[in-house]
Amino acid sequence: MIEFRDVTKVYDSNDTHALEKVNIKIEDGEFVFIVGSSGAGKSTFLKLIMHEEKPTEGEVIVNGYSSATMKKKQVPYYRRTMGIVFQDFRIIPKMSVYDNVAFAMRVIGTKEKDIRKRVPYILQLVGLSQKARSMPNELSGGEQQRVSLARALVNNPKLIIADEPTGNVDPEMSHEIVDLLTKINNSGTTVVMVTHEH
C-alpha cells in the first residue's frame, strides 16, 4: 500500500531536512496516525504520498506507483486511488452539499445515473442526508468537515489521507470524525491521519 524506502527530503531554499532516511510500510486496511508537533515533517510526509513533492533521496511507493518512475501524466490517475480530507475543508462555497460531493465524481467522468445512486449513500454514511440541498455557509464547521470527508469517500478510494481533520472543529465533533474514519477503515479502506493531538 504505502512504503517509504530510505526517504530523505531536503528543502534547498534553507537546507531544511524535513525527513531523513525514513523507512515505513503501511499495509492495506491499516489505520495509521502520524503525530508530531509543528515542523516535525508531517506535511512533507503527506505531500510525498500525494506526489506533490518528490523525495530528495529514496523512493515512495503507493498503490503500486513509485516516485522513482512515475510520469507527470500518471499523477492525476494516481491521485484517483486516494481520497483526501483537508483541515480547511476546501469545499466549493457556491455549490450545495450534494453538488460538492457529486463534483468529485463528475471531474473523473462518472455517469449521472451512477452519481445519483452513490452520492445519497455517501451523504447518509456521513450523517448529512438531511443537508443535501444546504449550502456550505449554512453548515457548522463539523458538518463542513463531513462534506469534505464525503467528497473524499465518494469515488471509493483504497486510501484516505486525513490532514488534521479535527483541527477546526470542537472536541465532540472531533470524536465523531475519528469514529467515522474508524468505521470507514473497518470496511477495508486504509486511513492515514495526520494530527498534532494525542
N, C-alpha and C. Protein backbone atom coordinates (compact mmCIF):
# COMPACT_ATOMS: atom_id res chain seq x y z
N MET A 1 0.83 -1.20 0.00
CA MET A 1 0.00 0.00 0.00
C MET A 1 0.87 1.26 0.00
N ILE A 2 1.56 1.55 1.13
CA ILE A 2 2.45 2.71 1.20
C ILE A 2 3.79 2.23 1.75
N GLU A 3 4.85 2.57 1.04
CA GLU A 3 6.18 2.22 1.53
C GLU A 3 7.15 3.37 1.26
N PHE A 4 7.85 3.76 2.30
CA PHE A 4 8.94 4.73 2.19
C PHE A 4 10.25 3.95 2.36
N ARG A 5 11.12 4.07 1.37
CA ARG A 5 12.41 3.36 1.42
C ARG A 5 13.54 4.39 1.50
N ASP A 6 14.14 4.50 2.66
CA ASP A 6 15.26 5.43 2.88
C ASP A 6 14.96 6.83 2.34
N VAL A 7 13.79 7.35 2.67
CA VAL A 7 13.35 8.63 2.12
C VAL A 7 13.92 9.81 2.91
N THR A 8 14.57 10.69 2.19
CA THR A 8 15.06 11.95 2.73
C THR A 8 14.46 13.06 1.89
N LYS A 9 14.02 14.12 2.56
CA LYS A 9 13.51 15.30 1.85
C LYS A 9 14.21 16.52 2.42
N VAL A 10 14.95 17.21 1.55
CA VAL A 10 15.66 18.43 1.93
C VAL A 10 15.11 19.57 1.09
N TYR A 11 14.74 20.66 1.77
CA TYR A 11 14.30 21.86 1.06
C TYR A 11 15.52 22.74 0.84
N ASP A 12 15.90 22.91 -0.42
CA ASP A 12 17.12 23.64 -0.79
C ASP A 12 17.15 25.08 -0.32
N SER A 13 15.98 25.73 -0.33
CA SER A 13 15.94 27.16 -0.01
C SER A 13 16.59 27.49 1.33
N ASN A 14 16.43 26.60 2.31
CA ASN A 14 17.05 26.87 3.62
C ASN A 14 17.75 25.64 4.20
N ASP A 15 18.04 24.66 3.32
CA ASP A 15 18.74 23.44 3.72
C ASP A 15 18.07 22.73 4.90
N THR A 16 16.74 22.76 4.91
CA THR A 16 15.98 22.11 5.96
C THR A 16 15.78 20.63 5.62
N HIS A 17 16.17 19.77 6.54
CA HIS A 17 15.93 18.33 6.39
C HIS A 17 14.57 18.02 7.02
N ALA A 18 13.53 18.00 6.20
CA ALA A 18 12.18 17.74 6.71
C ALA A 18 12.04 16.27 7.12
N LEU A 19 12.61 15.38 6.33
CA LEU A 19 12.62 13.95 6.64
C LEU A 19 14.01 13.42 6.33
N GLU A 20 14.46 12.47 7.15
CA GLU A 20 15.79 11.91 6.92
C GLU A 20 15.78 10.40 7.09
N LYS A 21 16.10 9.70 6.01
CA LYS A 21 16.22 8.23 6.00
C LYS A 21 15.00 7.54 6.62
N VAL A 22 13.81 7.92 6.18
CA VAL A 22 12.57 7.35 6.71
C VAL A 22 12.26 6.04 5.99
N ASN A 23 12.01 5.01 6.79
CA ASN A 23 11.57 3.71 6.29
C ASN A 23 10.29 3.35 7.01
N ILE A 24 9.23 3.15 6.25
CA ILE A 24 7.94 2.79 6.86
C ILE A 24 7.13 2.02 5.83
N LYS A 25 6.36 1.08 6.34
CA LYS A 25 5.47 0.31 5.48
C LYS A 25 4.08 0.32 6.11
N ILE A 26 3.10 0.79 5.37
CA ILE A 26 1.71 0.81 5.84
C ILE A 26 0.95 -0.17 4.95
N GLU A 27 0.38 -1.19 5.57
CA GLU A 27 -0.30 -2.25 4.83
C GLU A 27 -1.74 -1.87 4.51
N ASP A 28 -2.32 -2.57 3.53
CA ASP A 28 -3.74 -2.39 3.20
C ASP A 28 -4.59 -2.58 4.45
N GLY A 29 -5.56 -1.71 4.63
CA GLY A 29 -6.52 -1.85 5.72
C GLY A 29 -6.07 -1.31 7.07
N GLU A 30 -4.87 -0.76 7.15
CA GLU A 30 -4.41 -0.20 8.42
C GLU A 30 -4.99 1.19 8.66
N PHE A 31 -5.06 1.57 9.93
CA PHE A 31 -5.40 2.94 10.33
C PHE A 31 -4.17 3.46 11.05
N VAL A 32 -3.51 4.45 10.46
CA VAL A 32 -2.24 4.94 10.99
C VAL A 32 -2.36 6.41 11.35
N PHE A 33 -1.92 6.75 12.55
CA PHE A 33 -1.85 8.15 12.98
C PHE A 33 -0.41 8.62 12.82
N ILE A 34 -0.23 9.76 12.19
CA ILE A 34 1.08 10.41 12.12
C ILE A 34 0.97 11.60 13.06
N VAL A 35 1.67 11.52 14.19
CA VAL A 35 1.54 12.53 15.25
C VAL A 35 2.88 13.25 15.42
N GLY A 36 2.80 14.57 15.55
CA GLY A 36 4.02 15.33 15.79
C GLY A 36 3.73 16.81 15.87
N SER A 37 4.66 17.52 16.45
CA SER A 37 4.49 18.97 16.60
C SER A 37 4.71 19.66 15.25
N SER A 38 4.42 20.93 15.22
CA SER A 38 4.63 21.73 14.01
C SER A 38 6.11 21.68 13.61
N GLY A 39 6.35 21.45 12.33
CA GLY A 39 7.73 21.38 11.85
C GLY A 39 8.36 20.01 11.93
N ALA A 40 7.58 19.00 12.36
CA ALA A 40 8.13 17.65 12.52
C ALA A 40 8.21 16.87 11.21
N GLY A 41 7.63 17.41 10.12
CA GLY A 41 7.69 16.73 8.83
C GLY A 41 6.40 16.06 8.42
N LYS A 42 5.32 16.29 9.18
CA LYS A 42 4.03 15.64 8.86
C LYS A 42 3.52 16.05 7.48
N SER A 43 3.52 17.34 7.20
CA SER A 43 3.02 17.83 5.91
C SER A 43 3.87 17.33 4.76
N THR A 44 5.17 17.28 4.97
CA THR A 44 6.07 16.76 3.94
C THR A 44 5.76 15.29 3.67
N PHE A 45 5.53 14.53 4.73
CA PHE A 45 5.17 13.12 4.61
C PHE A 45 3.95 12.96 3.71
N LEU A 46 2.91 13.77 3.96
CA LEU A 46 1.69 13.70 3.15
C LEU A 46 1.94 14.13 1.71
N LYS A 47 2.68 15.20 1.53
CA LYS A 47 2.97 15.69 0.17
C LYS A 47 3.72 14.64 -0.64
N LEU A 48 4.58 13.88 0.01
CA LEU A 48 5.29 12.80 -0.68
C LEU A 48 4.32 11.68 -1.06
N ILE A 49 3.38 11.36 -0.18
CA ILE A 49 2.38 10.34 -0.50
C ILE A 49 1.52 10.80 -1.68
N MET A 50 1.10 12.07 -1.66
CA MET A 50 0.21 12.59 -2.71
C MET A 50 0.96 12.93 -4.00
N HIS A 51 2.26 12.79 -3.97
CA HIS A 51 3.14 13.10 -5.10
C HIS A 51 3.08 14.59 -5.47
N GLU A 52 2.90 15.41 -4.44
CA GLU A 52 3.01 16.86 -4.63
C GLU A 52 4.49 17.25 -4.56
N GLU A 53 5.28 16.40 -3.92
CA GLU A 53 6.73 16.60 -3.81
C GLU A 53 7.40 15.27 -4.12
N LYS A 54 8.64 15.35 -4.53
CA LYS A 54 9.44 14.14 -4.75
C LYS A 54 10.51 14.08 -3.67
N PRO A 55 10.90 12.88 -3.27
CA PRO A 55 11.96 12.79 -2.27
C PRO A 55 13.30 13.24 -2.85
N THR A 56 14.14 13.81 -2.01
CA THR A 56 15.49 14.17 -2.42
C THR A 56 16.30 12.89 -2.64
N GLU A 57 16.09 11.93 -1.75
CA GLU A 57 16.71 10.61 -1.86
C GLU A 57 15.66 9.58 -1.48
N GLY A 58 15.85 8.36 -1.96
CA GLY A 58 14.95 7.27 -1.60
C GLY A 58 13.76 7.17 -2.54
N GLU A 59 12.81 6.33 -2.14
CA GLU A 59 11.66 6.02 -3.00
C GLU A 59 10.40 5.93 -2.16
N VAL A 60 9.31 6.47 -2.71
CA VAL A 60 7.98 6.35 -2.10
C VAL A 60 7.13 5.51 -3.05
N ILE A 61 6.54 4.43 -2.53
CA ILE A 61 5.68 3.57 -3.34
C ILE A 61 4.29 3.58 -2.71
N VAL A 62 3.28 3.94 -3.50
CA VAL A 62 1.90 3.99 -3.02
C VAL A 62 1.00 3.36 -4.08
N ASN A 63 0.20 2.38 -3.67
CA ASN A 63 -0.74 1.72 -4.58
C ASN A 63 -0.06 1.26 -5.87
N GLY A 64 1.17 0.79 -5.75
CA GLY A 64 1.90 0.28 -6.91
C GLY A 64 2.61 1.34 -7.74
N TYR A 65 2.44 2.60 -7.40
CA TYR A 65 3.12 3.69 -8.12
C TYR A 65 4.38 4.07 -7.36
N SER A 66 5.48 4.22 -8.09
CA SER A 66 6.76 4.58 -7.47
C SER A 66 7.14 6.02 -7.81
N SER A 67 7.62 6.75 -6.81
CA SER A 67 8.08 8.12 -7.04
C SER A 67 9.27 8.15 -8.00
N ALA A 68 9.99 7.04 -8.09
CA ALA A 68 11.18 6.98 -8.94
C ALA A 68 10.83 6.86 -10.42
N THR A 69 9.66 6.29 -10.72
CA THR A 69 9.33 6.03 -12.13
C THR A 69 8.05 6.70 -12.61
N MET A 70 7.29 7.31 -11.71
CA MET A 70 6.00 7.89 -12.12
C MET A 70 6.20 9.08 -13.06
N LYS A 71 5.46 9.04 -14.15
CA LYS A 71 5.49 10.14 -15.12
C LYS A 71 4.46 11.19 -14.70
N LYS A 72 4.70 12.44 -15.11
CA LYS A 72 3.81 13.54 -14.75
C LYS A 72 2.36 13.26 -15.18
N LYS A 73 2.19 12.66 -16.36
CA LYS A 73 0.84 12.40 -16.87
C LYS A 73 0.11 11.31 -16.06
N GLN A 74 0.84 10.53 -15.27
CA GLN A 74 0.23 9.48 -14.44
C GLN A 74 -0.32 10.03 -13.12
N VAL A 75 0.14 11.20 -12.70
CA VAL A 75 -0.20 11.74 -11.38
C VAL A 75 -1.72 11.86 -11.17
N PRO A 76 -2.50 12.43 -12.12
CA PRO A 76 -3.96 12.51 -11.87
C PRO A 76 -4.61 11.14 -11.65
N TYR A 77 -4.16 10.13 -12.39
CA TYR A 77 -4.73 8.78 -12.23
C TYR A 77 -4.32 8.19 -10.89
N TYR A 78 -3.08 8.45 -10.53
CA TYR A 78 -2.57 8.00 -9.23
C TYR A 78 -3.40 8.59 -8.10
N ARG A 79 -3.69 9.89 -8.17
CA ARG A 79 -4.43 10.55 -7.10
C ARG A 79 -5.87 10.05 -7.00
N ARG A 80 -6.38 9.46 -8.06
CA ARG A 80 -7.75 8.90 -8.00
C ARG A 80 -7.82 7.67 -7.11
N THR A 81 -6.68 7.10 -6.74
CA THR A 81 -6.68 5.93 -5.86
C THR A 81 -6.81 6.33 -4.40
N MET A 82 -6.86 7.66 -4.14
CA MET A 82 -6.93 8.14 -2.76
C MET A 82 -7.99 9.22 -2.61
N GLY A 83 -8.50 9.35 -1.40
CA GLY A 83 -9.38 10.45 -1.05
C GLY A 83 -8.66 11.29 -0.01
N ILE A 84 -8.77 12.61 -0.16
CA ILE A 84 -8.01 13.50 0.72
C ILE A 84 -8.96 14.42 1.48
N VAL A 85 -8.80 14.45 2.81
CA VAL A 85 -9.60 15.31 3.68
C VAL A 85 -8.66 16.36 4.26
N PHE A 86 -8.96 17.63 3.96
CA PHE A 86 -8.11 18.72 4.42
C PHE A 86 -8.68 19.38 5.67
N GLN A 87 -7.80 19.97 6.45
CA GLN A 87 -8.21 20.68 7.67
C GLN A 87 -9.13 21.86 7.35
N ASP A 88 -8.86 22.54 6.24
CA ASP A 88 -9.64 23.73 5.89
C ASP A 88 -10.83 23.41 4.97
N PHE A 89 -11.24 22.17 4.93
CA PHE A 89 -12.43 21.66 4.24
C PHE A 89 -12.33 21.70 2.72
N ARG A 90 -11.97 22.84 2.13
CA ARG A 90 -11.85 23.00 0.68
C ARG A 90 -13.11 22.61 -0.08
N ILE A 91 -14.25 22.98 0.48
CA ILE A 91 -15.49 22.76 -0.25
C ILE A 91 -15.83 24.01 -1.05
N ILE A 92 -16.63 23.84 -2.09
CA ILE A 92 -16.92 24.92 -3.03
C ILE A 92 -18.12 25.71 -2.51
N PRO A 93 -17.94 27.00 -2.16
CA PRO A 93 -18.98 27.77 -1.47
C PRO A 93 -20.28 27.95 -2.25
N LYS A 94 -20.23 27.96 -3.57
CA LYS A 94 -21.44 28.21 -4.36
C LYS A 94 -22.16 26.94 -4.78
N MET A 95 -21.73 25.81 -4.24
CA MET A 95 -22.37 24.52 -4.55
C MET A 95 -23.03 23.95 -3.31
N SER A 96 -24.17 23.30 -3.50
CA SER A 96 -24.85 22.62 -2.39
C SER A 96 -23.97 21.47 -1.90
N VAL A 97 -24.36 20.92 -0.76
CA VAL A 97 -23.65 19.76 -0.20
C VAL A 97 -23.64 18.63 -1.24
N TYR A 98 -24.81 18.34 -1.81
CA TYR A 98 -24.92 17.27 -2.82
C TYR A 98 -23.94 17.52 -3.97
N ASP A 99 -23.98 18.75 -4.51
CA ASP A 99 -23.14 19.06 -5.67
C ASP A 99 -21.65 19.08 -5.35
N ASN A 100 -21.28 19.45 -4.12
CA ASN A 100 -19.88 19.38 -3.71
C ASN A 100 -19.38 17.94 -3.77
N VAL A 101 -20.20 17.02 -3.30
CA VAL A 101 -19.81 15.61 -3.30
C VAL A 101 -19.85 15.04 -4.72
N ALA A 102 -20.91 15.38 -5.46
CA ALA A 102 -21.04 14.91 -6.84
C ALA A 102 -19.92 15.42 -7.73
N PHE A 103 -19.42 16.61 -7.43
CA PHE A 103 -18.35 17.22 -8.23
C PHE A 103 -17.14 16.30 -8.34
N ALA A 104 -16.80 15.64 -7.24
CA ALA A 104 -15.64 14.73 -7.24
C ALA A 104 -15.84 13.57 -8.22
N MET A 105 -17.09 13.19 -8.45
CA MET A 105 -17.38 12.12 -9.41
C MET A 105 -17.44 12.67 -10.84
N ARG A 106 -17.98 13.86 -10.97
CA ARG A 106 -18.10 14.45 -12.32
C ARG A 106 -16.74 14.71 -12.95
N VAL A 107 -15.78 15.17 -12.14
CA VAL A 107 -14.47 15.50 -12.72
C VAL A 107 -13.72 14.29 -13.27
N ILE A 108 -14.11 13.10 -12.84
CA ILE A 108 -13.47 11.90 -13.41
C ILE A 108 -14.36 11.22 -14.45
N GLY A 109 -15.48 11.88 -14.81
CA GLY A 109 -16.31 11.39 -15.90
C GLY A 109 -17.34 10.34 -15.53
N THR A 110 -17.74 10.26 -14.27
CA THR A 110 -18.75 9.29 -13.85
C THR A 110 -20.11 9.66 -14.44
N LYS A 111 -20.88 8.66 -14.83
CA LYS A 111 -22.21 8.88 -15.40
C LYS A 111 -23.15 9.43 -14.33
N GLU A 112 -24.07 10.31 -14.75
CA GLU A 112 -25.01 10.93 -13.81
C GLU A 112 -25.84 9.91 -13.06
N LYS A 113 -26.26 8.83 -13.73
CA LYS A 113 -27.09 7.82 -13.03
C LYS A 113 -26.31 7.18 -11.88
N ASP A 114 -25.00 7.00 -12.07
CA ASP A 114 -24.16 6.44 -11.00
C ASP A 114 -23.97 7.46 -9.87
N ILE A 115 -23.86 8.73 -10.25
CA ILE A 115 -23.73 9.80 -9.26
C ILE A 115 -25.00 9.86 -8.41
N ARG A 116 -26.16 9.76 -9.06
CA ARG A 116 -27.44 9.83 -8.32
C ARG A 116 -27.61 8.68 -7.34
N LYS A 117 -26.96 7.55 -7.59
CA LYS A 117 -27.01 6.41 -6.66
C LYS A 117 -26.01 6.59 -5.52
N ARG A 118 -24.80 6.96 -5.89
CA ARG A 118 -23.68 6.95 -4.94
C ARG A 118 -23.72 8.11 -3.94
N VAL A 119 -24.02 9.33 -4.40
CA VAL A 119 -23.95 10.50 -3.52
C VAL A 119 -24.91 10.38 -2.33
N PRO A 120 -26.20 10.02 -2.54
CA PRO A 120 -27.08 9.89 -1.36
C PRO A 120 -26.58 8.84 -0.36
N TYR A 121 -26.01 7.75 -0.87
CA TYR A 121 -25.47 6.71 0.01
C TYR A 121 -24.33 7.27 0.88
N ILE A 122 -23.42 8.00 0.26
CA ILE A 122 -22.28 8.57 0.99
C ILE A 122 -22.75 9.64 1.98
N LEU A 123 -23.71 10.48 1.57
CA LEU A 123 -24.23 11.50 2.49
C LEU A 123 -24.88 10.86 3.71
N GLN A 124 -25.56 9.75 3.49
CA GLN A 124 -26.18 9.02 4.60
C GLN A 124 -25.09 8.45 5.52
N LEU A 125 -24.02 7.92 4.91
CA LEU A 125 -22.90 7.35 5.67
C LEU A 125 -22.27 8.37 6.61
N VAL A 126 -22.14 9.62 6.15
CA VAL A 126 -21.51 10.66 6.97
C VAL A 126 -22.53 11.48 7.76
N GLY A 127 -23.81 11.07 7.72
CA GLY A 127 -24.84 11.73 8.52
C GLY A 127 -25.31 13.07 7.99
N LEU A 128 -25.29 13.23 6.67
CA LEU A 128 -25.69 14.52 6.08
C LEU A 128 -26.85 14.41 5.09
N SER A 129 -27.61 13.32 5.16
CA SER A 129 -28.73 13.15 4.23
C SER A 129 -29.68 14.33 4.25
N GLN A 130 -29.95 14.86 5.45
CA GLN A 130 -30.91 15.96 5.59
C GLN A 130 -30.33 17.30 5.12
N LYS A 131 -29.04 17.34 4.83
CA LYS A 131 -28.38 18.59 4.44
C LYS A 131 -27.99 18.62 2.96
N ALA A 132 -28.47 17.66 2.18
CA ALA A 132 -28.04 17.53 0.78
C ALA A 132 -28.21 18.82 -0.03
N ARG A 133 -29.27 19.55 0.22
CA ARG A 133 -29.54 20.78 -0.55
C ARG A 133 -29.02 22.04 0.14
N SER A 134 -28.43 21.89 1.31
CA SER A 134 -27.90 23.05 2.04
C SER A 134 -26.64 23.58 1.35
N MET A 135 -26.40 24.86 1.56
CA MET A 135 -25.18 25.49 1.05
C MET A 135 -24.13 25.48 2.18
N PRO A 136 -22.84 25.49 1.83
CA PRO A 136 -21.79 25.43 2.85
C PRO A 136 -21.91 26.48 3.96
N ASN A 137 -22.35 27.70 3.61
CA ASN A 137 -22.46 28.75 4.64
C ASN A 137 -23.58 28.49 5.64
N GLU A 138 -24.41 27.49 5.38
CA GLU A 138 -25.50 27.12 6.30
C GLU A 138 -25.08 25.98 7.23
N LEU A 139 -23.86 25.52 7.11
CA LEU A 139 -23.39 24.36 7.87
C LEU A 139 -22.44 24.76 8.99
N SER A 140 -22.41 23.94 10.03
CA SER A 140 -21.42 24.13 11.10
C SER A 140 -20.06 23.66 10.57
N GLY A 141 -18.99 23.97 11.32
CA GLY A 141 -17.66 23.52 10.94
C GLY A 141 -17.57 22.00 10.84
N GLY A 142 -18.19 21.32 11.78
CA GLY A 142 -18.18 19.85 11.76
C GLY A 142 -18.91 19.28 10.56
N GLU A 143 -20.04 19.92 10.19
CA GLU A 143 -20.78 19.47 9.01
C GLU A 143 -19.97 19.72 7.74
N GLN A 144 -19.28 20.86 7.68
CA GLN A 144 -18.43 21.13 6.52
C GLN A 144 -17.30 20.10 6.41
N GLN A 145 -16.76 19.70 7.55
CA GLN A 145 -15.71 18.69 7.52
C GLN A 145 -16.27 17.36 7.04
N ARG A 146 -17.52 17.05 7.40
CA ARG A 146 -18.14 15.81 6.93
C ARG A 146 -18.41 15.85 5.42
N VAL A 147 -18.70 17.05 4.88
CA VAL A 147 -18.83 17.19 3.42
C VAL A 147 -17.48 16.87 2.77
N SER A 148 -16.42 17.39 3.34
CA SER A 148 -15.07 17.13 2.83
C SER A 148 -14.76 15.63 2.88
N LEU A 149 -15.16 14.99 3.95
CA LEU A 149 -14.95 13.55 4.10
C LEU A 149 -15.79 12.77 3.07
N ALA A 150 -17.04 13.19 2.88
CA ALA A 150 -17.92 12.54 1.89
C ALA A 150 -17.30 12.64 0.50
N ARG A 151 -16.79 13.80 0.18
CA ARG A 151 -16.17 14.00 -1.15
C ARG A 151 -14.94 13.10 -1.31
N ALA A 152 -14.19 12.93 -0.23
CA ALA A 152 -13.01 12.06 -0.29
C ALA A 152 -13.41 10.59 -0.47
N LEU A 153 -14.57 10.21 0.04
CA LEU A 153 -15.02 8.82 0.01
C LEU A 153 -15.78 8.42 -1.24
N VAL A 154 -16.36 9.39 -1.93
CA VAL A 154 -17.38 9.09 -2.94
C VAL A 154 -16.86 8.24 -4.10
N ASN A 155 -15.60 8.35 -4.43
CA ASN A 155 -15.05 7.54 -5.53
C ASN A 155 -14.44 6.22 -5.06
N ASN A 156 -14.80 5.82 -3.83
CA ASN A 156 -14.40 4.53 -3.27
C ASN A 156 -12.89 4.29 -3.33
N PRO A 157 -12.11 5.21 -2.73
CA PRO A 157 -10.65 5.09 -2.81
C PRO A 157 -10.12 3.95 -1.95
N LYS A 158 -8.92 3.49 -2.28
CA LYS A 158 -8.25 2.47 -1.47
C LYS A 158 -7.64 3.09 -0.22
N LEU A 159 -7.38 4.40 -0.30
CA LEU A 159 -6.64 5.10 0.74
C LEU A 159 -7.29 6.44 1.04
N ILE A 160 -7.50 6.73 2.33
CA ILE A 160 -7.96 8.05 2.76
C ILE A 160 -6.80 8.72 3.50
N ILE A 161 -6.49 9.93 3.07
CA ILE A 161 -5.49 10.74 3.77
C ILE A 161 -6.24 11.87 4.45
N ALA A 162 -6.13 11.95 5.75
CA ALA A 162 -6.83 12.99 6.52
C ALA A 162 -5.78 13.90 7.17
N ASP A 163 -5.70 15.13 6.67
CA ASP A 163 -4.70 16.09 7.15
C ASP A 163 -5.31 16.96 8.24
N GLU A 164 -5.05 16.59 9.48
CA GLU A 164 -5.60 17.29 10.66
C GLU A 164 -7.09 17.57 10.50
N PRO A 165 -7.90 16.52 10.26
CA PRO A 165 -9.33 16.73 10.01
C PRO A 165 -10.10 17.23 11.22
N THR A 166 -9.49 17.16 12.39
CA THR A 166 -10.17 17.62 13.61
C THR A 166 -9.66 18.98 14.06
N GLY A 167 -8.80 19.60 13.28
CA GLY A 167 -8.16 20.85 13.67
C GLY A 167 -9.08 22.05 13.80
N ASN A 168 -10.17 22.08 13.02
CA ASN A 168 -11.07 23.24 13.03
C ASN A 168 -12.47 22.92 13.56
N VAL A 169 -12.58 21.88 14.37
CA VAL A 169 -13.88 21.50 14.91
C VAL A 169 -13.79 21.33 16.43
N ASP A 170 -14.95 21.37 17.09
CA ASP A 170 -14.97 21.23 18.54
C ASP A 170 -14.66 19.79 18.95
N PRO A 171 -14.33 19.56 20.24
CA PRO A 171 -13.93 18.23 20.69
C PRO A 171 -14.96 17.13 20.40
N GLU A 172 -16.25 17.44 20.57
CA GLU A 172 -17.28 16.43 20.32
C GLU A 172 -17.29 16.02 18.85
N MET A 173 -17.24 17.01 17.96
CA MET A 173 -17.21 16.72 16.52
C MET A 173 -15.91 16.02 16.14
N SER A 174 -14.84 16.36 16.83
CA SER A 174 -13.55 15.71 16.61
C SER A 174 -13.67 14.20 16.82
N HIS A 175 -14.34 13.81 17.92
CA HIS A 175 -14.55 12.38 18.20
C HIS A 175 -15.43 11.74 17.14
N GLU A 176 -16.46 12.45 16.69
CA GLU A 176 -17.35 11.92 15.65
C GLU A 176 -16.59 11.66 14.36
N ILE A 177 -15.71 12.58 13.99
CA ILE A 177 -14.94 12.43 12.75
C ILE A 177 -13.99 11.24 12.85
N VAL A 178 -13.32 11.09 13.99
CA VAL A 178 -12.43 9.93 14.17
C VAL A 178 -13.24 8.64 14.16
N ASP A 179 -14.43 8.64 14.78
CA ASP A 179 -15.30 7.46 14.76
C ASP A 179 -15.70 7.11 13.33
N LEU A 180 -16.01 8.13 12.54
CA LEU A 180 -16.39 7.93 11.14
C LEU A 180 -15.22 7.36 10.33
N LEU A 181 -14.04 7.89 10.55
CA LEU A 181 -12.84 7.36 9.87
C LEU A 181 -12.58 5.91 10.29
N THR A 182 -12.84 5.59 11.56
CA THR A 182 -12.68 4.22 12.04
C THR A 182 -13.67 3.29 11.34
N LYS A 183 -14.91 3.75 11.20
CA LYS A 183 -15.95 2.98 10.51
C LYS A 183 -15.52 2.71 9.06
N ILE A 184 -14.99 3.72 8.40
CA ILE A 184 -14.53 3.59 7.02
C ILE A 184 -13.36 2.60 6.96
N ASN A 185 -12.46 2.70 7.91
CA ASN A 185 -11.33 1.79 7.99
C ASN A 185 -11.79 0.35 8.21
N ASN A 186 -12.82 0.17 9.04
CA ASN A 186 -13.35 -1.17 9.32
C ASN A 186 -13.92 -1.83 8.07
N SER A 187 -14.28 -1.02 7.07
CA SER A 187 -14.80 -1.59 5.82
C SER A 187 -13.66 -1.92 4.85
N GLY A 188 -12.40 -1.74 5.29
CA GLY A 188 -11.26 -2.17 4.49
C GLY A 188 -10.42 -1.07 3.87
N THR A 189 -10.83 0.19 4.03
CA THR A 189 -10.08 1.31 3.46
C THR A 189 -8.91 1.67 4.38
N THR A 190 -7.75 1.85 3.81
CA THR A 190 -6.58 2.29 4.58
C THR A 190 -6.75 3.76 4.92
N VAL A 191 -6.47 4.14 6.16
CA VAL A 191 -6.59 5.54 6.59
C VAL A 191 -5.25 5.99 7.18
N VAL A 192 -4.76 7.12 6.68
CA VAL A 192 -3.57 7.76 7.25
C VAL A 192 -4.03 9.12 7.73
N MET A 193 -3.96 9.33 9.04
CA MET A 193 -4.43 10.58 9.64
C MET A 193 -3.28 11.30 10.31
N VAL A 194 -3.10 12.55 9.91
CA VAL A 194 -2.07 13.39 10.50
C VAL A 194 -2.71 14.28 11.55
N THR A 195 -2.07 14.36 12.71
CA THR A 195 -2.61 15.20 13.78
C THR A 195 -1.47 15.66 14.69
N HIS A 196 -1.69 16.77 15.35
CA HIS A 196 -0.72 17.22 16.36
C HIS A 196 -1.20 16.81 17.75
N GLU A 197 -2.41 16.19 17.81
CA GLU A 197 -3.01 15.78 19.09
C GLU A 197 -2.64 14.34 19.37
N HIS A 198 -2.85 13.95 20.63
CA HIS A 198 -2.63 12.54 21.00
C HIS A 198 -3.95 11.85 21.17
